[in-house]
């Protein structure tokens, strides 16, 4: 297993819920949607026994971002 690319989140503490992605021989394509996972709630959910769904927020004011990254194979 190898890391093919790294893509930073648009948010400092949170991250988008990535459900699907595309891949070609040369590129990875991710869709950063406004379904946002709160990292602090996610950490607390492990302690409180909550599910991941309770850590997610729909933020319709945020834009959908399509990220295309070249694949780096060593």
N, C-alpha and C. Protein backbone atom coordinates (compact mmCIF):
# COMPACT_ATOMS: atom_id res chain seq x y z
N UNK A 1 0.84 -1.16 0.00
CA UNK A 1 0.00 0.00 0.00
C UNK A 1 0.89 1.23 0.00
N UNK A 2 0.48 2.26 -0.76
CA UNK A 2 1.28 3.49 -0.85
C UNK A 2 0.37 4.71 -0.84
N UNK A 3 0.89 5.82 -0.37
CA UNK A 3 0.17 7.09 -0.44
C UNK A 3 0.38 7.64 -1.84
N UNK A 4 -0.73 7.84 -2.57
CA UNK A 4 -0.63 8.32 -3.95
C UNK A 4 -0.68 9.83 -4.05
N UNK A 5 -1.36 10.47 -3.09
CA UNK A 5 -1.49 11.93 -3.10
C UNK A 5 -1.98 12.38 -1.73
N UNK A 6 -1.75 13.63 -1.41
CA UNK A 6 -2.32 14.23 -0.21
C UNK A 6 -3.09 15.48 -0.62
N UNK A 7 -4.26 15.64 -0.03
CA UNK A 7 -5.12 16.78 -0.35
C UNK A 7 -5.53 17.42 0.96
N UNK A 8 -5.15 18.68 1.19
CA UNK A 8 -5.52 19.34 2.45
C UNK A 8 -7.01 19.68 2.49
N UNK A 9 -7.57 19.73 3.68
CA UNK A 9 -8.97 20.10 3.86
C UNK A 9 -9.13 21.61 3.71
N UNK A 10 -10.31 22.03 3.29
CA UNK A 10 -10.60 23.47 3.18
C UNK A 10 -10.82 24.10 4.55
N UNK A 11 -11.03 23.27 5.58
CA UNK A 11 -11.29 23.75 6.92
C UNK A 11 -10.16 23.35 7.84
N UNK A 12 -9.90 24.15 8.87
CA UNK A 12 -8.77 23.89 9.77
C UNK A 12 -9.04 22.74 10.74
N UNK A 13 -10.23 22.71 11.34
CA UNK A 13 -10.53 21.71 12.37
C UNK A 13 -11.44 20.61 11.85
N UNK A 14 -12.17 20.89 10.79
CA UNK A 14 -13.14 19.94 10.26
C UNK A 14 -12.68 19.40 8.91
N UNK A 15 -13.41 18.40 8.42
CA UNK A 15 -13.11 17.89 7.09
C UNK A 15 -14.39 17.44 6.41
N UNK A 16 -14.37 17.40 5.10
CA UNK A 16 -15.52 16.99 4.33
C UNK A 16 -15.67 15.47 4.41
N UNK A 17 -16.91 15.03 4.35
CA UNK A 17 -17.19 13.60 4.29
C UNK A 17 -16.98 13.16 2.84
N UNK A 18 -15.95 12.37 2.60
CA UNK A 18 -15.65 11.89 1.25
C UNK A 18 -16.30 10.53 1.06
N UNK A 19 -17.30 10.48 0.20
CA UNK A 19 -18.01 9.22 -0.04
C UNK A 19 -17.47 8.51 -1.27
N UNK A 20 -17.18 9.27 -2.29
CA UNK A 20 -16.75 8.69 -3.56
C UNK A 20 -15.56 9.45 -4.13
N UNK A 21 -14.85 8.80 -5.01
CA UNK A 21 -13.73 9.44 -5.69
C UNK A 21 -13.56 8.79 -7.06
N UNK A 22 -12.81 9.45 -7.91
CA UNK A 22 -12.51 8.90 -9.23
C UNK A 22 -11.01 8.79 -9.38
N UNK A 23 -10.58 7.87 -10.22
CA UNK A 23 -9.15 7.69 -10.42
C UNK A 23 -8.88 7.25 -11.85
N UNK A 24 -7.90 7.88 -12.45
CA UNK A 24 -7.43 7.45 -13.76
C UNK A 24 -5.98 6.99 -13.59
N UNK A 25 -5.33 6.71 -14.66
CA UNK A 25 -3.93 6.28 -14.57
C UNK A 25 -3.05 7.39 -14.00
N UNK A 26 -3.44 8.65 -14.23
CA UNK A 26 -2.59 9.77 -13.84
C UNK A 26 -3.16 10.69 -12.77
N UNK A 27 -4.47 10.61 -12.49
CA UNK A 27 -5.09 11.57 -11.59
C UNK A 27 -6.07 10.92 -10.61
N UNK A 28 -6.20 11.56 -9.44
CA UNK A 28 -7.25 11.26 -8.47
C UNK A 28 -8.20 12.44 -8.46
N UNK A 29 -9.50 12.17 -8.39
CA UNK A 29 -10.50 13.24 -8.33
C UNK A 29 -11.37 13.01 -7.10
N UNK A 30 -11.41 14.00 -6.22
CA UNK A 30 -12.24 13.95 -5.02
C UNK A 30 -13.27 15.07 -5.09
N UNK A 31 -14.42 14.84 -4.49
CA UNK A 31 -15.46 15.85 -4.40
C UNK A 31 -15.57 16.25 -2.94
N UNK A 32 -15.19 17.50 -2.65
CA UNK A 32 -15.29 18.02 -1.28
C UNK A 32 -16.67 18.67 -1.17
N UNK A 33 -17.59 17.95 -0.54
CA UNK A 33 -18.96 18.41 -0.44
C UNK A 33 -19.22 19.10 0.89
N UNK A 34 -20.31 19.84 1.01
CA UNK A 34 -20.58 20.57 2.25
C UNK A 34 -21.16 19.72 3.38
N UNK A 35 -20.95 18.40 3.34
CA UNK A 35 -21.27 17.54 4.48
C UNK A 35 -19.98 17.48 5.30
N UNK A 36 -19.95 18.22 6.40
CA UNK A 36 -18.72 18.45 7.14
C UNK A 36 -18.70 17.63 8.43
N UNK A 37 -17.57 16.99 8.70
CA UNK A 37 -17.37 16.22 9.93
C UNK A 37 -16.60 17.10 10.91
N UNK A 38 -17.15 17.31 12.09
CA UNK A 38 -16.51 18.10 13.13
C UNK A 38 -15.51 17.20 13.86
N UNK A 39 -14.23 17.49 13.74
CA UNK A 39 -13.18 16.65 14.33
C UNK A 39 -13.29 16.54 15.85
N UNK A 40 -13.60 17.65 16.51
CA UNK A 40 -13.69 17.62 17.98
C UNK A 40 -14.87 16.75 18.43
N UNK A 41 -16.00 16.85 17.73
CA UNK A 41 -17.15 16.00 18.06
C UNK A 41 -16.83 14.54 17.79
N UNK A 42 -16.05 14.29 16.72
CA UNK A 42 -15.68 12.92 16.39
C UNK A 42 -14.83 12.29 17.48
N UNK A 43 -13.88 13.05 18.01
CA UNK A 43 -13.05 12.56 19.11
C UNK A 43 -13.91 12.30 20.34
N UNK A 44 -14.80 13.24 20.67
CA UNK A 44 -15.68 13.09 21.83
C UNK A 44 -16.66 11.94 21.65
N UNK A 45 -17.05 11.66 20.41
CA UNK A 45 -18.02 10.58 20.17
C UNK A 45 -17.46 9.22 20.57
N UNK A 46 -16.15 9.06 20.47
CA UNK A 46 -15.52 7.81 20.87
C UNK A 46 -15.65 7.60 22.38
N UNK A 47 -15.55 8.68 23.12
CA UNK A 47 -15.66 8.61 24.58
C UNK A 47 -17.12 8.44 25.00
N UNK A 48 -18.01 9.16 24.33
CA UNK A 48 -19.43 9.17 24.70
C UNK A 48 -20.23 8.03 24.08
N UNK A 49 -19.60 7.27 23.18
CA UNK A 49 -20.30 6.17 22.54
C UNK A 49 -21.32 6.63 21.51
N UNK A 50 -21.10 7.76 20.88
CA UNK A 50 -22.00 8.29 19.86
C UNK A 50 -21.57 7.81 18.48
N UNK A 51 -22.47 7.89 17.51
CA UNK A 51 -22.12 7.46 16.16
C UNK A 51 -21.58 8.64 15.34
N UNK A 52 -20.93 8.33 14.23
CA UNK A 52 -20.31 9.35 13.40
C UNK A 52 -21.34 10.33 12.84
N UNK A 53 -22.53 9.85 12.56
CA UNK A 53 -23.59 10.71 12.01
C UNK A 53 -23.83 11.93 12.88
N UNK A 54 -23.70 11.78 14.19
CA UNK A 54 -23.92 12.90 15.12
C UNK A 54 -22.79 13.93 15.06
N UNK A 55 -21.72 13.63 14.38
CA UNK A 55 -20.59 14.55 14.25
C UNK A 55 -20.62 15.31 12.92
N UNK A 56 -21.64 15.03 12.10
CA UNK A 56 -21.71 15.60 10.76
C UNK A 56 -22.71 16.75 10.70
N UNK A 57 -22.37 17.75 9.88
CA UNK A 57 -23.22 18.92 9.70
C UNK A 57 -23.32 19.22 8.21
N UNK A 58 -24.54 19.48 7.73
CA UNK A 58 -24.73 19.91 6.35
C UNK A 58 -24.61 21.42 6.33
N UNK A 59 -23.71 21.96 5.52
CA UNK A 59 -23.46 23.41 5.44
C UNK A 59 -23.73 23.89 4.02
N UNK A 60 -25.00 24.16 3.69
CA UNK A 60 -25.35 24.52 2.31
C UNK A 60 -24.70 25.81 1.81
N UNK A 61 -24.21 26.66 2.73
CA UNK A 61 -23.55 27.89 2.31
C UNK A 61 -22.15 27.63 1.73
N UNK A 62 -21.61 26.45 1.99
CA UNK A 62 -20.30 26.08 1.46
C UNK A 62 -20.44 25.58 0.01
N UNK A 63 -19.41 25.77 -0.76
CA UNK A 63 -19.40 25.34 -2.16
C UNK A 63 -18.92 23.90 -2.27
N UNK A 64 -19.39 23.22 -3.30
CA UNK A 64 -18.83 21.91 -3.64
C UNK A 64 -17.53 22.18 -4.39
N UNK A 65 -16.46 21.50 -4.00
CA UNK A 65 -15.14 21.72 -4.61
C UNK A 65 -14.68 20.39 -5.24
N UNK A 66 -14.29 20.46 -6.48
CA UNK A 66 -13.75 19.28 -7.17
C UNK A 66 -12.22 19.39 -7.12
N UNK A 67 -11.59 18.39 -6.55
CA UNK A 67 -10.13 18.39 -6.39
C UNK A 67 -9.51 17.34 -7.32
N UNK A 68 -8.58 17.77 -8.11
CA UNK A 68 -7.88 16.88 -9.03
C UNK A 68 -6.40 16.90 -8.67
N UNK A 69 -5.84 15.73 -8.39
CA UNK A 69 -4.45 15.64 -7.97
C UNK A 69 -3.71 14.62 -8.82
N UNK A 70 -2.52 14.96 -9.28
CA UNK A 70 -1.74 13.96 -10.01
C UNK A 70 -1.33 12.81 -9.08
N UNK A 71 -1.27 11.63 -9.63
CA UNK A 71 -0.86 10.44 -8.87
C UNK A 71 0.66 10.36 -8.90
N UNK A 72 1.26 10.18 -7.72
CA UNK A 72 2.71 10.04 -7.61
C UNK A 72 3.02 8.60 -7.21
N UNK A 73 3.50 7.83 -8.12
CA UNK A 73 3.83 6.43 -7.84
C UNK A 73 5.35 6.31 -7.79
N UNK A 74 5.82 5.78 -6.66
CA UNK A 74 7.28 5.65 -6.47
C UNK A 74 7.80 4.40 -7.13
